[in-house]
């Protein structure tokens, strides 16, 4: 089932209010977000980098780790009154306007290195 960002925000809010009891504080959720991003980094370094898997890393799913990051990010958006749909649309306009020629003219992106290029 496809979900919009708005639907995701509502689903997280409903879950927090029925199962999660309440939102953690914004600063606590920021710390949780950093922890979750760290888990993504750890798994990426093992899947695509040079680090080997430890027993505690076995069976971890990258999609689940991304979803954990998204969940906490949505919590923070909900807590701070951010409409992620509007914010994302504004970011796409900004990036498209700012980077209209920047990436096309970047020789590093044409080398086919596949991953080390800056896109943010």
PDB file of N, CA and C in Angstrom:
ATOM      1  N   UNK A   1       0.836  -1.173   0.000  1.00  0.00           N
ATOM      2  CA  UNK A   1       0.000   0.000   0.000  1.00  0.00           C
ATOM      3  C   UNK A   1       0.889   1.247   0.000  1.00  0.00           C
ATOM      4  N   UNK A   2       0.667   2.129  -0.938  1.00  0.00           N
ATOM      5  CA  UNK A   2       1.402   3.388  -1.001  1.00  0.00           C
ATOM      6  C   UNK A   2       0.842   4.360   0.025  1.00  0.00           C
ATOM      7  N   UNK A   3       1.730   5.067   0.699  1.00  0.00           N
ATOM      8  CA  UNK A   3       1.338   6.064   1.686  1.00  0.00           C
ATOM      9  C   UNK A   3       1.924   7.410   1.305  1.00  0.00           C
ATOM     10  N   UNK A   4       1.181   8.464   1.534  1.00  0.00           N
ATOM     11  CA  UNK A   4       1.725   9.805   1.370  1.00  0.00           C
ATOM     12  C   UNK A   4       2.486  10.170   2.637  1.00  0.00           C
ATOM     13  N   UNK A   5       3.294  11.200   2.561  1.00  0.00           N
ATOM     14  CA  UNK A   5       3.983  11.667   3.766  1.00  0.00           C
ATOM     15  C   UNK A   5       2.973  12.111   4.817  1.00  0.00           C
ATOM     16  N   UNK A   6       1.902  12.743   4.375  1.00  0.00           N
ATOM     17  CA  UNK A   6       0.849  13.182   5.300  1.00  0.00           C
ATOM     18  C   UNK A   6       0.221  11.986   6.016  1.00  0.00           C
ATOM     19  N   UNK A   7      -0.046  10.930   5.272  1.00  0.00           N
ATOM     20  CA  UNK A   7      -0.605   9.723   5.882  1.00  0.00           C
ATOM     21  C   UNK A   7       0.384   9.096   6.866  1.00  0.00           C
ATOM     22  N   UNK A   8       1.659   9.117   6.527  1.00  0.00           N
ATOM     23  CA  UNK A   8       2.680   8.601   7.443  1.00  0.00           C
ATOM     24  C   UNK A   8       2.703   9.422   8.721  1.00  0.00           C
ATOM     25  N   UNK A   9       2.631  10.735   8.581  1.00  0.00           N
ATOM     26  CA  UNK A   9       2.628  11.583   9.770  1.00  0.00           C
ATOM     27  C   UNK A   9       1.413  11.287  10.648  1.00  0.00           C
ATOM     28  N   UNK A  10       0.263  11.081  10.031  1.00  0.00           N
ATOM     29  CA  UNK A  10      -0.940  10.784  10.801  1.00  0.00           C
ATOM     30  C   UNK A  10      -0.847   9.404  11.448  1.00  0.00           C
ATOM     31  N   UNK A  11      -0.315   8.444  10.721  1.00  0.00           N
ATOM     32  CA  UNK A  11      -0.192   7.084  11.254  1.00  0.00           C
ATOM     33  C   UNK A  11       0.746   7.057  12.464  1.00  0.00           C
ATOM     34  N   UNK A  12       1.859   7.771  12.380  1.00  0.00           N
ATOM     35  CA  UNK A  12       2.784   7.834  13.508  1.00  0.00           C
ATOM     36  C   UNK A  12       2.111   8.525  14.694  1.00  0.00           C
ATOM     37  N   UNK A  13       1.419   9.626  14.440  1.00  0.00           N
ATOM     38  CA  UNK A  13       0.740  10.344  15.516  1.00  0.00           C
ATOM     39  C   UNK A  13      -0.299   9.450  16.196  1.00  0.00           C
ATOM     40  N   UNK A  14      -1.069   8.728  15.404  1.00  0.00           N
ATOM     41  CA  UNK A  14      -2.064   7.804  15.964  1.00  0.00           C
ATOM     42  C   UNK A  14      -1.385   6.729  16.812  1.00  0.00           C
ATOM     43  N   UNK A  15      -0.266   6.186  16.323  1.00  0.00           N
ATOM     44  CA  UNK A  15       0.449   5.147  17.060  1.00  0.00           C
ATOM     45  C   UNK A  15       0.968   5.685  18.389  1.00  0.00           C
ATOM     46  N   UNK A  16       1.561   6.876  18.335  1.00  0.00           N
ATOM     47  CA  UNK A  16       2.097   7.480  19.560  1.00  0.00           C
ATOM     48  C   UNK A  16       0.982   7.639  20.592  1.00  0.00           C
ATOM     49  N   UNK A  17      -0.174   8.100  20.159  1.00  0.00           N
ATOM     50  CA  UNK A  17      -1.271   8.381  21.082  1.00  0.00           C
ATOM     51  C   UNK A  17      -1.960   7.123  21.599  1.00  0.00           C
ATOM     52  N   UNK A  18      -1.853   6.006  20.882  1.00  0.00           N
ATOM     53  CA  UNK A  18      -2.542   4.782  21.312  1.00  0.00           C
ATOM     54  C   UNK A  18      -1.605   3.741  21.907  1.00  0.00           C
ATOM     55  N   UNK A  19      -0.392   3.641  21.397  1.00  0.00           N
ATOM     56  CA  UNK A  19       0.553   2.622  21.851  1.00  0.00           C
ATOM     57  C   UNK A  19       1.742   3.248  22.579  1.00  0.00           C
ATOM     58  N   UNK A  20       2.239   4.314  22.045  1.00  0.00           N
ATOM     59  CA  UNK A  20       3.456   4.922  22.584  1.00  0.00           C
ATOM     60  C   UNK A  20       3.249   5.794  23.802  1.00  0.00           C
ATOM     61  N   UNK A  21       2.025   6.020  24.213  1.00  0.00           N
ATOM     62  CA  UNK A  21       1.626   6.828  25.362  1.00  0.00           C
ATOM     63  C   UNK A  21       1.792   8.317  25.076  1.00  0.00           C
ATOM     64  N   UNK A  22       3.007   8.753  24.750  1.00  0.00           N
ATOM     65  CA  UNK A  22       3.261  10.152  24.397  1.00  0.00           C
ATOM     66  C   UNK A  22       4.564  10.234  23.628  1.00  0.00           C
ATOM     67  N   UNK A  23       4.776  11.367  22.980  1.00  0.00           N
ATOM     68  CA  UNK A  23       6.052  11.596  22.305  1.00  0.00           C
ATOM     69  C   UNK A  23       7.149  11.772  23.348  1.00  0.00           C
ATOM     70  N   UNK A  24       8.348  11.270  23.043  1.00  0.00           N
ATOM     71  CA  UNK A  24       9.516  11.644  23.828  1.00  0.00           C
ATOM     72  C   UNK A  24       9.735  13.141  23.617  1.00  0.00           C
ATOM     73  N   UNK A  25      10.520  13.760  24.455  1.00  0.00           N
ATOM     74  CA  UNK A  25      10.844  15.172  24.234  1.00  0.00           C
ATOM     75  C   UNK A  25      11.580  15.322  22.904  1.00  0.00           C
ATOM     76  N   UNK A  26      11.562  16.515  22.366  1.00  0.00           N
ATOM     77  CA  UNK A  26      12.225  16.773  21.083  1.00  0.00           C
ATOM     78  C   UNK A  26      13.716  16.445  21.158  1.00  0.00           C
ATOM     79  N   UNK A  27      14.353  16.808  22.258  1.00  0.00           N
ATOM     80  CA  UNK A  27      15.792  16.517  22.375  1.00  0.00           C
ATOM     81  C   UNK A  27      16.063  15.028  22.508  1.00  0.00           C
ATOM     82  N   UNK A  28      15.191  14.325  23.212  1.00  0.00           N
ATOM     83  CA  UNK A  28      15.353  12.874  23.299  1.00  0.00           C
ATOM     84  C   UNK A  28      15.172  12.258  21.916  1.00  0.00           C
ATOM     85  N   UNK A  29      14.166  12.707  21.181  1.00  0.00           N
ATOM     86  CA  UNK A  29      13.964  12.169  19.832  1.00  0.00           C
ATOM     87  C   UNK A  29      15.119  12.521  18.912  1.00  0.00           C
ATOM     88  N   UNK A  30      15.732  13.679  19.100  1.00  0.00           N
ATOM     89  CA  UNK A  30      16.919  14.004  18.308  1.00  0.00           C
ATOM     90  C   UNK A  30      18.029  13.005  18.594  1.00  0.00           C
ATOM     91  N   UNK A  31      18.230  12.674  19.870  1.00  0.00           N
ATOM     92  CA  UNK A  31      19.244  11.675  20.229  1.00  0.00           C
ATOM     93  C   UNK A  31      18.893  10.313  19.639  1.00  0.00           C
ATOM     94  N   UNK A  32      17.610   9.938  19.680  1.00  0.00           N
ATOM     95  CA  UNK A  32      17.176   8.659  19.103  1.00  0.00           C
ATOM     96  C   UNK A  32      17.411   8.666  17.594  1.00  0.00           C
ATOM     97  N   UNK A  33      17.151   9.797  16.934  1.00  0.00           N
ATOM     98  CA  UNK A  33      17.388   9.901  15.494  1.00  0.00           C
ATOM     99  C   UNK A  33      18.864   9.678  15.172  1.00  0.00           C
ATOM    100  N   UNK A  34      19.733  10.297  15.947  1.00  0.00           N
ATOM    101  CA  UNK A  34      21.173  10.118  15.726  1.00  0.00           C
ATOM    102  C   UNK A  34      21.559   8.657  15.929  1.00  0.00           C
ATOM    103  N   UNK A  35      21.006   8.019  16.952  1.00  0.00           N
ATOM    104  CA  UNK A  35      21.275   6.595  17.175  1.00  0.00           C
ATOM    105  C   UNK A  35      20.832   5.755  15.984  1.00  0.00           C
ATOM    106  N   UNK A  36      19.640   6.039  15.475  1.00  0.00           N
ATOM    107  CA  UNK A  36      19.111   5.271  14.343  1.00  0.00           C
ATOM    108  C   UNK A  36      19.950   5.497  13.087  1.00  0.00           C
ATOM    109  N   UNK A  37      20.372   6.728  12.841  1.00  0.00           N
ATOM    110  CA  UNK A  37      21.240   7.005  11.691  1.00  0.00           C
ATOM    111  C   UNK A  37      22.566   6.268  11.865  1.00  0.00           C
ATOM    112  N   UNK A  38      23.046   6.187  13.091  1.00  0.00           N
ATOM    113  CA  UNK A  38      24.263   5.419  13.360  1.00  0.00           C
ATOM    114  C   UNK A  38      24.101   3.951  13.016  1.00  0.00           C
ATOM    115  N   UNK A  39      22.916   3.405  13.284  1.00  0.00           N
ATOM    116  CA  UNK A  39      22.666   2.006  12.937  1.00  0.00           C
ATOM    117  C   UNK A  39      22.663   1.817  11.419  1.00  0.00           C
ATOM    118  N   UNK A  40      22.131   2.798  10.684  1.00  0.00           N
ATOM    119  CA  UNK A  40      22.183   2.742   9.220  1.00  0.00           C
ATOM    120  C   UNK A  40      23.636   2.783   8.767  1.00  0.00           C
ATOM    121  N   UNK A  41      24.414   3.690   9.334  1.00  0.00           N
ATOM    122  CA  UNK A  41      25.825   3.812   8.957  1.00  0.00           C
ATOM    123  C   UNK A  41      26.589   2.524   9.239  1.00  0.00           C
ATOM    124  N   UNK A  42      26.324   1.932  10.386  1.00  0.00           N
ATOM    125  CA  UNK A  42      27.006   0.679  10.749  1.00  0.00           C
ATOM    126  C   UNK A  42      26.707  -0.416   9.735  1.00  0.00           C
ATOM    127  N   UNK A  43      25.436  -0.556   9.376  1.00  0.00           N
ATOM    128  CA  UNK A  43      25.064  -1.605   8.432  1.00  0.00           C
ATOM    129  C   UNK A  43      25.594  -1.304   7.030  1.00  0.00           C
ATOM    130  N   UNK A  44      25.519  -0.048   6.614  1.00  0.00           N
ATOM    131  CA  UNK A  44      26.039   0.327   5.290  1.00  0.00           C
ATOM    132  C   UNK A  44      27.538   0.042   5.192  1.00  0.00           C
ATOM    133  N   UNK A  45      28.274   0.311   6.280  1.00  0.00           N
ATOM    134  CA  UNK A  45      29.723   0.080   6.244  1.00  0.00           C
ATOM    135  C   UNK A  45      30.055  -1.401   6.132  1.00  0.00           C
ATOM    136  N   UNK A  46      29.125  -2.230   6.562  1.00  0.00           N
ATOM    137  CA  UNK A  46      29.346  -3.671   6.457  1.00  0.00           C
ATOM    138  C   UNK A  46      28.849  -4.224   5.121  1.00  0.00           C
ATOM    139  N   UNK A  47      27.750  -3.690   4.638  1.00  0.00           N
ATOM    140  CA  UNK A  47      27.202  -4.153   3.359  1.00  0.00           C
ATOM    141  C   UNK A  47      27.979  -3.611   2.163  1.00  0.00           C
ATOM    142  N   UNK A  48      28.383  -2.338   2.224  1.00  0.00           N
ATOM    143  CA  UNK A  48      28.990  -1.688   1.061  1.00  0.00           C
ATOM    144  C   UNK A  48      30.402  -1.196   1.304  1.00  0.00           C
ATOM    145  N   UNK A  49      30.848  -1.255   2.535  1.00  0.00           N
ATOM    146  CA  UNK A  49      32.187  -0.790   2.877  1.00  0.00           C
ATOM    147  C   UNK A  49      33.118  -1.952   3.160  1.00  0.00           C
ATOM    148  N   UNK A  50      34.141  -1.646   3.900  1.00  0.00           N
ATOM    149  CA  UNK A  50      35.207  -2.614   4.133  1.00  0.00           C
ATOM    150  C   UNK A  50      35.101  -3.356   5.460  1.00  0.00           C
ATOM    151  N   UNK A  51      34.140  -2.981   6.303  1.00  0.00           N
ATOM    152  CA  UNK A  51      34.034  -3.649   7.588  1.00  0.00           C
ATOM    153  C   UNK A  51      33.343  -4.994   7.454  1.00  0.00           C
ATOM    154  N   UNK A  52      33.773  -5.927   8.293  1.00  0.00           N
ATOM    155  CA  UNK A  52      33.163  -7.250   8.292  1.00  0.00           C
ATOM    156  C   UNK A  52      32.008  -7.280   9.291  1.00  0.00           C
ATOM    157  N   UNK A  53      31.127  -8.232   9.104  1.00  0.00           N
ATOM    158  CA  UNK A  53      29.974  -8.384   9.985  1.00  0.00           C
ATOM    159  C   UNK A  53      30.401  -8.981  11.311  1.00  0.00           C
ATOM    160  N   UNK A  54      29.796  -8.461  12.374  1.00  0.00           N
ATOM    161  CA  UNK A  54      29.929  -9.042  13.701  1.00  0.00           C
ATOM    162  C   UNK A  54      28.666  -9.843  13.950  1.00  0.00           C
ATOM    163  N   UNK A  55      28.692 -10.781  14.872  1.00  0.00           N
ATOM    164  CA  UNK A  55      27.474 -11.560  15.138  1.00  0.00           C
ATOM    165  C   UNK A  55      26.247 -10.688  15.428  1.00  0.00           C
ATOM    166  N   UNK A  56      26.452  -9.565  16.097  1.00  0.00           N
ATOM    167  CA  UNK A  56      25.322  -8.684  16.427  1.00  0.00           C
ATOM    168  C   UNK A  56      24.750  -7.984  15.192  1.00  0.00           C
ATOM    169  N   UNK A  57      25.503  -7.959  14.087  1.00  0.00           N
ATOM    170  CA  UNK A  57      25.041  -7.311  12.858  1.00  0.00           C
ATOM    171  C   UNK A  57      24.283  -8.259  11.935  1.00  0.00           C
ATOM    172  N   UNK A  58      24.463  -9.555  12.134  1.00  0.00           N
ATOM    173  CA  UNK A  58      23.860 -10.534  11.241  1.00  0.00           C
ATOM    174  C   UNK A  58      22.334 -10.430  11.265  1.00  0.00           C
ATOM    175  N   UNK A  59      21.735 -10.531  10.117  1.00  0.00           N
ATOM    176  CA  UNK A  59      20.290 -10.541  10.009  1.00  0.00           C
ATOM    177  C   UNK A  59      19.636  -9.177  10.055  1.00  0.00           C
ATOM    178  N   UNK A  60      20.412  -8.113  10.183  1.00  0.00           N
ATOM    179  CA  UNK A  60      19.830  -6.771  10.195  1.00  0.00           C
ATOM    180  C   UNK A  60      19.422  -6.409   8.778  1.00  0.00           C
ATOM    181  N   UNK A  61      18.313  -5.712   8.673  1.00  0.00           N
ATOM    182  CA  UNK A  61      17.741  -5.367   7.376  1.00  0.00           C
ATOM    183  C   UNK A  61      17.868  -3.859   7.151  1.00  0.00           C
ATOM    184  N   UNK A  62      18.501  -3.469   6.056  1.00  0.00           N
ATOM    185  CA  UNK A  62      18.726  -2.059   5.768  1.00  0.00           C
ATOM    186  C   UNK A  62      17.406  -1.297   5.627  1.00  0.00           C
ATOM    187  N   UNK A  63      16.419  -1.910   5.001  1.00  0.00           N
ATOM    188  CA  UNK A  63      15.120  -1.265   4.865  1.00  0.00           C
ATOM    189  C   UNK A  63      14.488  -0.959   6.210  1.00  0.00           C
ATOM    190  N   UNK A  64      14.602  -1.894   7.144  1.00  0.00           N
ATOM    191  CA  UNK A  64      14.066  -1.662   8.487  1.00  0.00           C
ATOM    192  C   UNK A  64      14.811  -0.539   9.187  1.00  0.00           C
ATOM    193  N   UNK A  65      16.116  -0.480   8.976  1.00  0.00           N
ATOM    194  CA  UNK A  65      16.907   0.594   9.594  1.00  0.00           C
ATOM    195  C   UNK A  65      16.507   1.948   9.013  1.00  0.00           C
ATOM    196  N   UNK A  66      16.313   2.016   7.707  1.00  0.00           N
ATOM    197  CA  UNK A  66      15.836   3.267   7.087  1.00  0.00           C
ATOM    198  C   UNK A  66      14.466   3.650   7.653  1.00  0.00           C
ATOM    199  N   UNK A  67      13.589   2.666   7.804  1.00  0.00           N
ATOM    200  CA  UNK A  67      12.245   2.933   8.329  1.00  0.00           C
ATOM    201  C   UNK A  67      12.305   3.434   9.769  1.00  0.00           C
ATOM    202  N   UNK A  68      13.241   2.926  10.567  1.00  0.00           N
ATOM    203  CA  UNK A  68      13.411   3.420  11.930  1.00  0.00           C
ATOM    204  C   UNK A  68      13.801   4.899  11.921  1.00  0.00           C
ATOM    205  N   UNK A  69      14.703   5.277  11.014  1.00  0.00           N
ATOM    206  CA  UNK A  69      15.090   6.683  10.874  1.00  0.00           C
ATOM    207  C   UNK A  69      13.877   7.515  10.479  1.00  0.00           C
ATOM    208  N   UNK A  70      13.119   7.030   9.510  1.00  0.00           N
ATOM    209  CA  UNK A  70      11.938   7.757   9.038  1.00  0.00           C
ATOM    210  C   UNK A  70      10.919   7.939  10.152  1.00  0.00           C
ATOM    211  N   UNK A  71      10.693   6.905  10.953  1.00  0.00           N
ATOM    212  CA  UNK A  71       9.736   6.981  12.046  1.00  0.00           C
ATOM    213  C   UNK A  71      10.098   8.099  13.016  1.00  0.00           C
ATOM    214  N   UNK A  72      11.356   8.139  13.433  1.00  0.00           N
ATOM    215  CA  UNK A  72      11.768   9.160  14.404  1.00  0.00           C
ATOM    216  C   UNK A  72      11.751  10.545  13.767  1.00  0.00           C
ATOM    217  N   UNK A  73      12.141  10.632  12.500  1.00  0.00           N
ATOM    218  CA  UNK A  73      12.081  11.908  11.803  1.00  0.00           C
ATOM    219  C   UNK A  73      10.640  12.414  11.732  1.00  0.00           C
ATOM    220  N   UNK A  74       9.712  11.511  11.477  1.00  0.00           N
ATOM    221  CA  UNK A  74       8.298  11.884  11.454  1.00  0.00           C
ATOM    222  C   UNK A  74       7.842  12.317  12.843  1.00  0.00           C
ATOM    223  N   UNK A  75       8.287  11.644  13.879  1.00  0.00           N
ATOM    224  CA  UNK A  75       7.964  12.087  15.241  1.00  0.00           C
ATOM    225  C   UNK A  75       8.406  13.526  15.451  1.00  0.00           C
ATOM    226  N   UNK A  76       9.628  13.828  15.077  1.00  0.00           N
ATOM    227  CA  UNK A  76      10.140  15.188  15.247  1.00  0.00           C
ATOM    228  C   UNK A  76       9.351  16.196  14.416  1.00  0.00           C
ATOM    229  N   UNK A  77       8.997  15.822  13.199  1.00  0.00           N
ATOM    230  CA  UNK A  77       8.192  16.720  12.366  1.00  0.00           C
ATOM    231  C   UNK A  77       6.845  16.983  13.024  1.00  0.00           C
ATOM    232  N   UNK A  78       6.212  15.937  13.510  1.00  0.00           N
ATOM    233  CA  UNK A  78       4.923  16.097  14.178  1.00  0.00           C
ATOM    234  C   UNK A  78       5.048  16.999  15.405  1.00  0.00           C
ATOM    235  N   UNK A  79       6.068  16.798  16.180  1.00  0.00           N
ATOM    236  CA  UNK A  79       6.254  17.568  17.407  1.00  0.00           C
ATOM    237  C   UNK A  79       6.511  19.044  17.143  1.00  0.00           C
ATOM    238  N   UNK A  80       7.152  19.335  16.030  1.00  0.00           N
ATOM    239  CA  UNK A  80       7.537  20.714  15.731  1.00  0.00           C
ATOM    240  C   UNK A  80       6.607  21.388  14.727  1.00  0.00           C
ATOM    241  N   UNK A  81       5.524  20.699  14.367  1.00  0.00           N
ATOM    242  CA  UNK A  81       4.524  21.295  13.483  1.00  0.00           C
ATOM    243  C   UNK A  81       4.945  21.396  12.029  1.00  0.00           C
ATOM    244  N   UNK A  82       5.823  20.522  11.601  1.00  0.00           N
ATOM    245  CA  UNK A  82       6.308  20.538  10.218  1.00  0.00           C
ATOM    246  C   UNK A  82       5.438  19.639   9.359  1.00  0.00           C
ATOM    247  N   UNK A  83       4.936  20.181   8.266  1.00  0.00           N
ATOM    248  CA  UNK A  83       4.226  19.411   7.249  1.00  0.00           C
ATOM    249  C   UNK A  83       5.297  18.877   6.300  1.00  0.00           C
ATOM    250  N   UNK A  84       5.606  17.594   6.402  1.00  0.00           N
ATOM    251  CA  UNK A  84       6.699  17.028   5.607  1.00  0.00           C
ATOM    252  C   UNK A  84       6.429  17.080   4.109  1.00  0.00           C
ATOM    253  N   UNK A  85       5.179  17.002   3.703  1.00  0.00           N
ATOM    254  CA  UNK A  85       4.864  17.105   2.273  1.00  0.00           C
ATOM    255  C   UNK A  85       5.279  18.470   1.747  1.00  0.00           C
ATOM    256  N   UNK A  86       4.855  19.516   2.430  1.00  0.00           N
ATOM    257  CA  UNK A  86       5.196  20.880   2.003  1.00  0.00           C
ATOM    258  C   UNK A  86       6.698  21.116   2.079  1.00  0.00           C
ATOM    259  N   UNK A  87       7.328  20.637   3.156  1.00  0.00           N
ATOM    260  CA  UNK A  87       8.768  20.825   3.310  1.00  0.00           C
ATOM    261  C   UNK A  87       9.542  20.090   2.216  1.00  0.00           C
ATOM    262  N   UNK A  88       9.112  18.873   1.901  1.00  0.00           N
ATOM    263  CA  UNK A  88       9.792  18.104   0.856  1.00  0.00           C
ATOM    264  C   UNK A  88       9.620  18.765  -0.511  1.00  0.00           C
ATOM    265  N   UNK A  89       8.407  19.221  -0.795  1.00  0.00           N
ATOM    266  CA  UNK A  89       8.166  19.896  -2.081  1.00  0.00           C
ATOM    267  C   UNK A  89       9.031  21.150  -2.202  1.00  0.00           C
ATOM    268  N   UNK A  90       9.145  21.917  -1.116  1.00  0.00           N
ATOM    269  CA  UNK A  90       9.976  23.121  -1.138  1.00  0.00           C
ATOM    270  C   UNK A  90      11.445  22.770  -1.343  1.00  0.00           C
ATOM    271  N   UNK A  91      11.886  21.690  -0.736  1.00  0.00           N
ATOM    272  CA  UNK A  91      13.272  21.250  -0.908  1.00  0.00           C
ATOM    273  C   UNK A  91      13.541  20.831  -2.347  1.00  0.00           C
ATOM    274  N   UNK A  92      12.593  20.138  -2.967  1.00  0.00           N
ATOM    275  CA  UNK A  92      12.789  19.722  -4.356  1.00  0.00           C
ATOM    276  C   UNK A  92      12.865  20.934  -5.286  1.00  0.00           C
ATOM    277  N   UNK A  93      12.040  21.940  -5.026  1.00  0.00           N
ATOM    278  CA  UNK A  93      12.101  23.172  -5.830  1.00  0.00           C
ATOM    279  C   UNK A  93      13.458  23.838  -5.630  1.00  0.00           C
ATOM    280  N   UNK A  94      13.892  23.949  -4.375  1.00  0.00           N
ATOM    281  CA  UNK A  94      15.182  24.574  -4.067  1.00  0.00           C
ATOM    282  C   UNK A  94      16.316  23.829  -4.751  1.00  0.00           C
ATOM    283  N   UNK A  95      16.349  22.519  -4.626  1.00  0.00           N
ATOM    284  CA  UNK A  95      17.433  21.736  -5.213  1.00  0.00           C
ATOM    285  C   UNK A  95      17.413  21.804  -6.735  1.00  0.00           C
ATOM    286  N   UNK A  96      16.226  21.773  -7.310  1.00  0.00           N
ATOM    287  CA  UNK A  96      16.120  21.825  -8.769  1.00  0.00           C
ATOM    288  C   UNK A  96      16.597  23.177  -9.292  1.00  0.00           C
ATOM    289  N   UNK A  97      16.223  24.239  -8.605  1.00  0.00           N
ATOM    290  CA  UNK A  97      16.634  25.584  -9.020  1.00  0.00           C
ATOM    291  C   UNK A  97      18.129  25.787  -8.808  1.00  0.00           C
ATOM    292  N   UNK A  98      18.595  25.462  -7.620  1.00  0.00           N
ATOM    293  CA  UNK A  98      19.996  25.680  -7.271  1.00  0.00           C
ATOM    294  C   UNK A  98      20.937  24.793  -8.070  1.00  0.00           C
ATOM    295  N   UNK A  99      20.521  23.569  -8.303  1.00  0.00           N
ATOM    296  CA  UNK A  99      21.420  22.587  -8.896  1.00  0.00           C
ATOM    297  C   UNK A  99      21.117  22.273 -10.356  1.00  0.00           C
ATOM    298  N   UNK A 100      20.390  23.182 -11.021  1.00  0.00           N
ATOM    299  CA  UNK A 100      19.981  22.936 -12.405  1.00  0.00           C
ATOM    300  C   UNK A 100      21.157  22.534 -13.291  1.00  0.00           C
ATOM    301  N   UNK A 101      22.295  23.187 -13.134  1.00  0.00           N
ATOM    302  CA  UNK A 101      23.461  22.855 -13.960  1.00  0.00           C
ATOM    303  C   UNK A 101      24.612  22.295 -13.139  1.00  0.00           C
ATOM    304  N   UNK A 102      24.546  22.448 -11.835  1.00  0.00           N
ATOM    305  CA  UNK A 102      25.669  22.074 -10.977  1.00  0.00           C
ATOM    306  C   UNK A 102      26.087  20.609 -11.136  1.00  0.00           C
ATOM    307  N   UNK A 103      25.152  19.695 -11.045  1.00  0.00           N
ATOM    308  CA  UNK A 103      25.503  18.275 -11.132  1.00  0.00           C
ATOM    309  C   UNK A 103      25.843  17.862 -12.561  1.00  0.00           C
ATOM    310  N   UNK A 104      25.161  18.433 -13.515  1.00  0.00           N
ATOM    311  CA  UNK A 104      25.451  18.107 -14.915  1.00  0.00           C
ATOM    312  C   UNK A 104      26.865  18.536 -15.296  1.00  0.00           C
ATOM    313  N   UNK A 105      27.358  19.590 -14.649  1.00  0.00           N
ATOM    314  CA  UNK A 105      28.695  20.093 -14.959  1.00  0.00           C
ATOM    315  C   UNK A 105      29.779  19.550 -14.028  1.00  0.00           C
ATOM    316  N   UNK A 106      29.436  18.610 -13.180  1.00  0.00           N
ATOM    317  CA  UNK A 106      30.393  18.045 -12.232  1.00  0.00           C
ATOM    318  C   UNK A 106      31.061  16.824 -12.857  1.00  0.00           C
ATOM    319  N   UNK A 107      32.341  16.948 -13.214  1.00  0.00           N
ATOM    320  CA  UNK A 107      33.023  15.818 -13.863  1.00  0.00           C
ATOM    321  C   UNK A 107      33.117  14.583 -12.969  1.00  0.00           C
ATOM    322  N   UNK A 108      33.088  14.763 -11.661  1.00  0.00           N
ATOM    323  CA  UNK A 108      33.149  13.627 -10.744  1.00  0.00           C
ATOM    324  C   UNK A 108      31.931  12.725 -10.898  1.00  0.00           C
ATOM    325  N   UNK A 109      30.797  13.305 -11.243  1.00  0.00           N
ATOM    326  CA  UNK A 109      29.575  12.515 -11.391  1.00  0.00           C
ATOM    327  C   UNK A 109      29.531  11.774 -12.721  1.00  0.00           C
ATOM    328  N   UNK A 110      30.333  12.197 -13.668  1.00  0.00           N
ATOM    329  CA  UNK A 110      30.347  11.541 -14.978  1.00  0.00           C
ATOM    330  C   UNK A 110      31.327  10.384 -15.035  1.00  0.00           C
ATOM    331  N   UNK A 111      32.141  10.225 -14.022  1.00  0.00           N
ATOM    332  CA  UNK A 111      33.170   9.191 -14.027  1.00  0.00           C
ATOM    333  C   UNK A 111      32.618   7.821 -13.691  1.00  0.00           C
ATOM    334  N   UNK A 112      31.375   7.754 -13.294  1.00  0.00           N
ATOM    335  CA  UNK A 112      30.769   6.466 -12.988  1.00  0.00           C
ATOM    336  C   UNK A 112      31.291   5.836 -11.711  1.00  0.00           C
ATOM    337  N   UNK A 113      31.731   6.690 -10.778  1.00  0.00           N
ATOM    338  CA  UNK A 113      32.257   6.157  -9.524  1.00  0.00           C
ATOM    339  C   UNK A 113      31.186   5.490  -8.691  1.00  0.00           C
ATOM    340  N   UNK A 114      29.932   5.881  -8.877  1.00  0.00           N
ATOM    341  CA  UNK A 114      28.810   5.199  -8.249  1.00  0.00           C
ATOM    342  C   UNK A 114      28.744   5.273  -6.758  1.00  0.00           C
ATOM    343  N   UNK A 115      28.782   6.461  -6.195  1.00  0.00           N
ATOM    344  CA  UNK A 115      28.502   6.521  -4.782  1.00  0.00           C
ATOM    345  C   UNK A 115      29.239   7.589  -4.012  1.00  0.00           C
ATOM    346  N   UNK A 116      30.391   7.987  -4.446  1.00  0.00           N
ATOM    347  CA  UNK A 116      31.169   8.930  -3.656  1.00  0.00           C
ATOM    348  C   UNK A 116      30.788  10.382  -3.947  1.00  0.00           C
ATOM    349  N   UNK A 117      29.963  10.621  -4.931  1.00  0.00           N
ATOM    350  CA  UNK A 117      29.610  11.986  -5.311  1.00  0.00           C
ATOM    351  C   UNK A 117      28.685  12.648  -4.321  1.00  0.00           C
ATOM    352  N   UNK A 118      28.833  13.962  -4.188  1.00  0.00           N
ATOM    353  CA  UNK A 118      27.985  14.751  -3.293  1.00  0.00           C
ATOM    354  C   UNK A 118      26.682  15.054  -3.994  1.00  0.00           C
ATOM    355  N   UNK A 119      25.576  14.749  -3.348  1.00  0.00           N
ATOM    356  CA  UNK A 119      24.264  15.022  -3.945  1.00  0.00           C
ATOM    357  C   UNK A 119      23.416  15.888  -3.031  1.00  0.00           C
ATOM    358  N   UNK A 120      23.862  16.210  -1.838  1.00  0.00           N
ATOM    359  CA  UNK A 120      23.037  16.926  -0.873  1.00  0.00           C
ATOM    360  C   UNK A 120      23.099  18.342  -0.944  1.00  0.00           C
TER     361      UNK A 120
END
